[in-house]
Amino acid sequence: MKLSIIIITLIFIFQYTAKSQTFTKNEVDEFTGAKVVETSWEKFNKQGPSITYFRFRKIDSEIILELKGIFYIGVFIVNKDDPFMLKLENDKMITLLNKHYVISSIGDGAISFFGSEAMGIDLSFVVSPQDIDLLMQNHIIKFRLYTSSGYVEQEIKAKFYDKFKRALMLIKFS
């Protein structure tokens, strides 16, 4: 009896820890002929009630970082070309520019039911090949997102960066 409980517990732990990044899309667009690959949404940060998620999308050779966030700062705007700054462990900074003018709205920061009633934002940033190399070699320790209400700045825990790096490697070599 004890042995079966231990075995079931180990199986559960293995399944929980073995969850890794996956592709949610890997296809050729029938209208444009572009190859489109997307990773699954993963948690980028959780600090207090605020939470951020990321995924990568690759269209042909262009890699895009998509970010969803719930920050509890009310309604805010992120303008086209507003910076999203990533501070790396070696004190280098990477600045990504928002692709579109975006107004926060209810449910935009959610990837599931959690947060679907909160004010959130859905952003996209093109990541250059040089920035991809820097991100794969150096841990992100903090991010800053500029908004119409100032900026949101949060530290990134190592466990979230590890998921980020695995997703980046997956999309880069797809």
Protein backbone atom coordinates (compact mmCIF):
# COMPACT_ATOMS: atom_id res chain seq x y z
CA MET A 1 0.00 0.00 0.00
CA LYS A 2 2.75 2.46 0.98
CA LEU A 3 4.74 1.50 -2.09
CA SER A 4 1.81 2.23 -4.40
CA ILE A 5 1.27 5.65 -2.76
CA ILE A 6 4.95 6.45 -3.20
CA ILE A 7 4.87 5.36 -6.86
CA ILE A 8 1.72 7.42 -7.57
CA THR A 9 3.28 10.44 -5.85
CA LEU A 10 6.48 10.09 -7.90
CA ILE A 11 4.51 9.80 -11.12
CA PHE A 12 2.55 12.94 -10.25
CA ILE A 13 5.73 14.87 -9.40
CA PHE A 14 7.40 13.70 -12.63
CA GLN A 15 4.43 14.76 -14.76
CA TYR A 16 4.27 18.13 -13.03
CA THR A 17 7.98 18.88 -13.41
CA ALA A 18 8.28 17.39 -16.91
CA LYS A 19 5.90 19.95 -18.40
CA SER A 20 7.93 21.85 -20.94
CA GLN A 21 7.48 24.35 -23.67
CA THR A 22 5.50 23.18 -26.65
CA PHE A 23 4.48 24.52 -30.01
CA THR A 24 0.84 25.51 -30.16
CA LYS A 25 1.12 26.30 -33.86
CA ASN A 26 3.54 25.04 -36.47
CA GLU A 27 2.11 25.53 -39.93
CA VAL A 28 2.40 27.29 -43.25
CA ASP A 29 -0.19 30.03 -43.72
CA GLU A 30 -2.30 29.03 -46.71
CA PHE A 31 -2.77 32.64 -47.90
CA THR A 32 0.72 34.10 -47.47
CA GLY A 33 2.89 31.00 -47.60
CA ALA A 34 4.65 32.17 -44.43
CA LYS A 35 5.76 29.57 -41.91
CA VAL A 36 4.18 30.39 -38.52
CA VAL A 37 5.38 28.83 -35.28
CA GLU A 38 4.12 29.73 -31.79
CA THR A 39 5.11 28.51 -28.33
CA SER A 40 2.69 27.99 -25.47
CA TRP A 41 1.93 30.83 -23.06
CA GLU A 42 4.08 30.72 -19.92
CA LYS A 43 4.32 32.83 -16.80
CA PHE A 44 6.98 35.54 -17.11
CA ASN A 45 6.52 37.10 -13.71
CA LYS A 46 4.25 37.24 -10.71
CA GLN A 47 4.72 40.04 -8.22
CA GLY A 48 1.91 40.73 -5.78
CA PRO A 49 -1.35 40.77 -7.70
CA SER A 50 0.41 41.63 -10.98
CA ILE A 51 1.14 38.82 -13.40
CA THR A 52 2.77 38.67 -16.82
CA TYR A 53 2.77 35.94 -19.46
CA PHE A 54 4.84 35.51 -22.59
CA ARG A 55 5.07 33.42 -25.71
CA PHE A 56 7.16 33.58 -28.85
CA ARG A 57 5.87 33.65 -32.40
CA LYS A 58 8.07 33.15 -35.44
CA ILE A 59 6.83 34.21 -38.85
CA ASP A 60 9.35 32.98 -41.41
CA SER A 61 12.57 34.31 -39.81
CA GLU A 62 11.12 37.17 -37.70
CA ILE A 63 10.80 36.36 -33.98
CA ILE A 64 8.16 38.20 -31.97
CA LEU A 65 7.84 38.28 -28.19
CA GLU A 66 4.19 38.50 -27.18
CA LEU A 67 3.47 39.71 -23.67
CA LYS A 68 0.22 39.77 -21.71
CA GLY A 69 0.09 41.59 -18.42
CA ILE A 70 -2.26 42.41 -15.57
CA PHE A 71 -0.77 45.30 -13.57
CA TYR A 72 -3.71 46.81 -11.59
CA ILE A 73 -2.87 50.39 -12.55
CA GLY A 74 -6.25 51.15 -14.13
CA VAL A 75 -6.71 52.00 -17.79
CA PHE A 76 -3.44 52.78 -19.53
CA ILE A 77 -1.95 53.01 -23.01
CA VAL A 78 1.21 51.59 -24.50
CA ASN A 79 2.02 53.54 -27.65
CA LYS A 80 3.58 52.14 -30.80
CA ASP A 81 7.37 52.13 -30.28
CA ASP A 82 7.13 52.57 -26.48
CA PRO A 83 10.05 50.70 -24.91
CA PHE A 84 10.00 47.42 -23.04
CA MET A 85 13.39 47.24 -21.35
CA LEU A 86 15.06 44.07 -20.13
CA LYS A 87 17.96 44.34 -17.68
CA LEU A 88 20.36 41.43 -17.91
CA GLU A 89 22.57 39.94 -15.20
CA ASN A 90 25.66 41.51 -16.83
CA ASP A 91 24.01 44.99 -16.50
CA LYS A 92 23.39 45.22 -20.26
CA MET A 93 19.99 46.49 -21.36
CA ILE A 94 17.86 45.26 -24.21
CA THR A 95 15.18 47.63 -25.46
CA LEU A 96 12.31 46.18 -27.47
CA LEU A 97 9.74 48.47 -29.10
CA ASN A 98 6.00 47.86 -28.97
CA LYS A 99 4.62 47.07 -32.44
CA HIS A 100 1.15 48.62 -32.03
CA TYR A 101 -0.78 51.29 -30.16
CA VAL A 102 -2.65 49.38 -27.41
CA ILE A 103 -5.20 50.44 -24.80
CA SER A 104 -5.60 48.17 -21.80
CA SER A 105 -8.97 46.48 -21.54
CA ILE A 106 -10.77 43.89 -19.49
CA GLY A 107 -9.44 40.39 -20.12
CA ASP A 108 -6.54 41.36 -22.42
CA GLY A 109 -3.90 40.24 -19.92
CA ALA A 110 -5.45 36.83 -19.35
CA ILE A 111 -4.50 33.55 -20.97
CA SER A 112 -7.26 31.59 -19.25
CA PHE A 113 -10.11 32.26 -16.88
CA PHE A 114 -7.75 33.74 -14.28
CA GLY A 115 -7.59 37.48 -14.85
CA SER A 116 -10.33 37.53 -17.45
CA GLU A 117 -12.20 40.18 -15.45
CA ALA A 118 -9.11 42.32 -14.76
CA MET A 119 -7.73 45.22 -16.77
CA GLY A 120 -4.84 43.91 -18.86
CA ILE A 121 -2.76 44.44 -21.95
CA ASP A 122 -1.58 42.35 -24.91
CA LEU A 123 1.68 43.54 -26.53
CA SER A 124 4.08 42.44 -29.29
CA PHE A 125 7.79 43.16 -29.74
CA VAL A 126 10.13 42.14 -32.57
CA VAL A 127 13.33 40.60 -31.18
CA SER A 128 16.49 41.05 -33.27
CA PRO A 129 18.94 38.18 -33.80
CA GLN A 130 21.53 40.09 -31.72
CA ASP A 131 19.06 40.45 -28.83
CA ILE A 132 18.16 36.76 -29.07
CA ASP A 133 21.82 35.84 -28.63
CA LEU A 134 22.14 38.16 -25.61
CA LEU A 135 18.96 36.75 -24.06
CA MET A 136 20.16 33.18 -24.49
CA GLN A 137 23.50 33.93 -22.80
CA ASN A 138 22.36 36.19 -19.95
CA HIS A 139 19.59 35.96 -17.37
CA ILE A 140 16.95 38.66 -17.33
CA ILE A 141 16.84 40.12 -13.83
CA LYS A 142 14.29 42.91 -14.29
CA PHE A 143 11.94 44.45 -16.83
CA ARG A 144 10.48 47.90 -17.29
CA LEU A 145 7.45 48.61 -19.46
CA TYR A 146 6.66 52.24 -20.27
CA THR A 147 2.97 53.20 -20.29
CA SER A 148 0.87 56.35 -20.35
CA SER A 149 0.76 56.08 -16.53
CA GLY A 150 4.55 56.04 -16.14
CA TYR A 151 6.17 52.63 -16.10
CA VAL A 152 5.83 49.19 -14.56
CA GLU A 153 9.07 47.69 -13.27
CA GLN A 154 9.42 44.18 -11.88
CA GLU A 155 12.15 41.69 -11.04
CA ILE A 156 12.26 38.33 -12.82
CA LYS A 157 12.79 35.17 -10.78
CA ALA A 158 15.20 32.56 -12.11
CA LYS A 159 12.46 29.93 -12.49
CA PHE A 160 10.53 32.22 -14.86
CA TYR A 161 13.66 33.11 -16.83
CA ASP A 162 14.44 29.41 -17.31
CA LYS A 163 11.06 28.93 -19.03
CA PHE A 164 11.72 32.04 -21.11
CA LYS A 165 15.11 30.72 -22.24
CA ARG A 166 13.72 27.27 -23.11
CA ALA A 167 10.97 28.87 -25.21
CA LEU A 168 13.47 31.13 -26.94
CA MET A 169 15.72 28.18 -27.82
CA LEU A 170 12.71 26.22 -29.06
CA ILE A 171 11.55 29.04 -31.35
CA LYS A 172 15.03 30.03 -32.55
CA PHE A 173 15.85 26.53 -33.77
CA SER A 174 12.40 25.80 -35.25
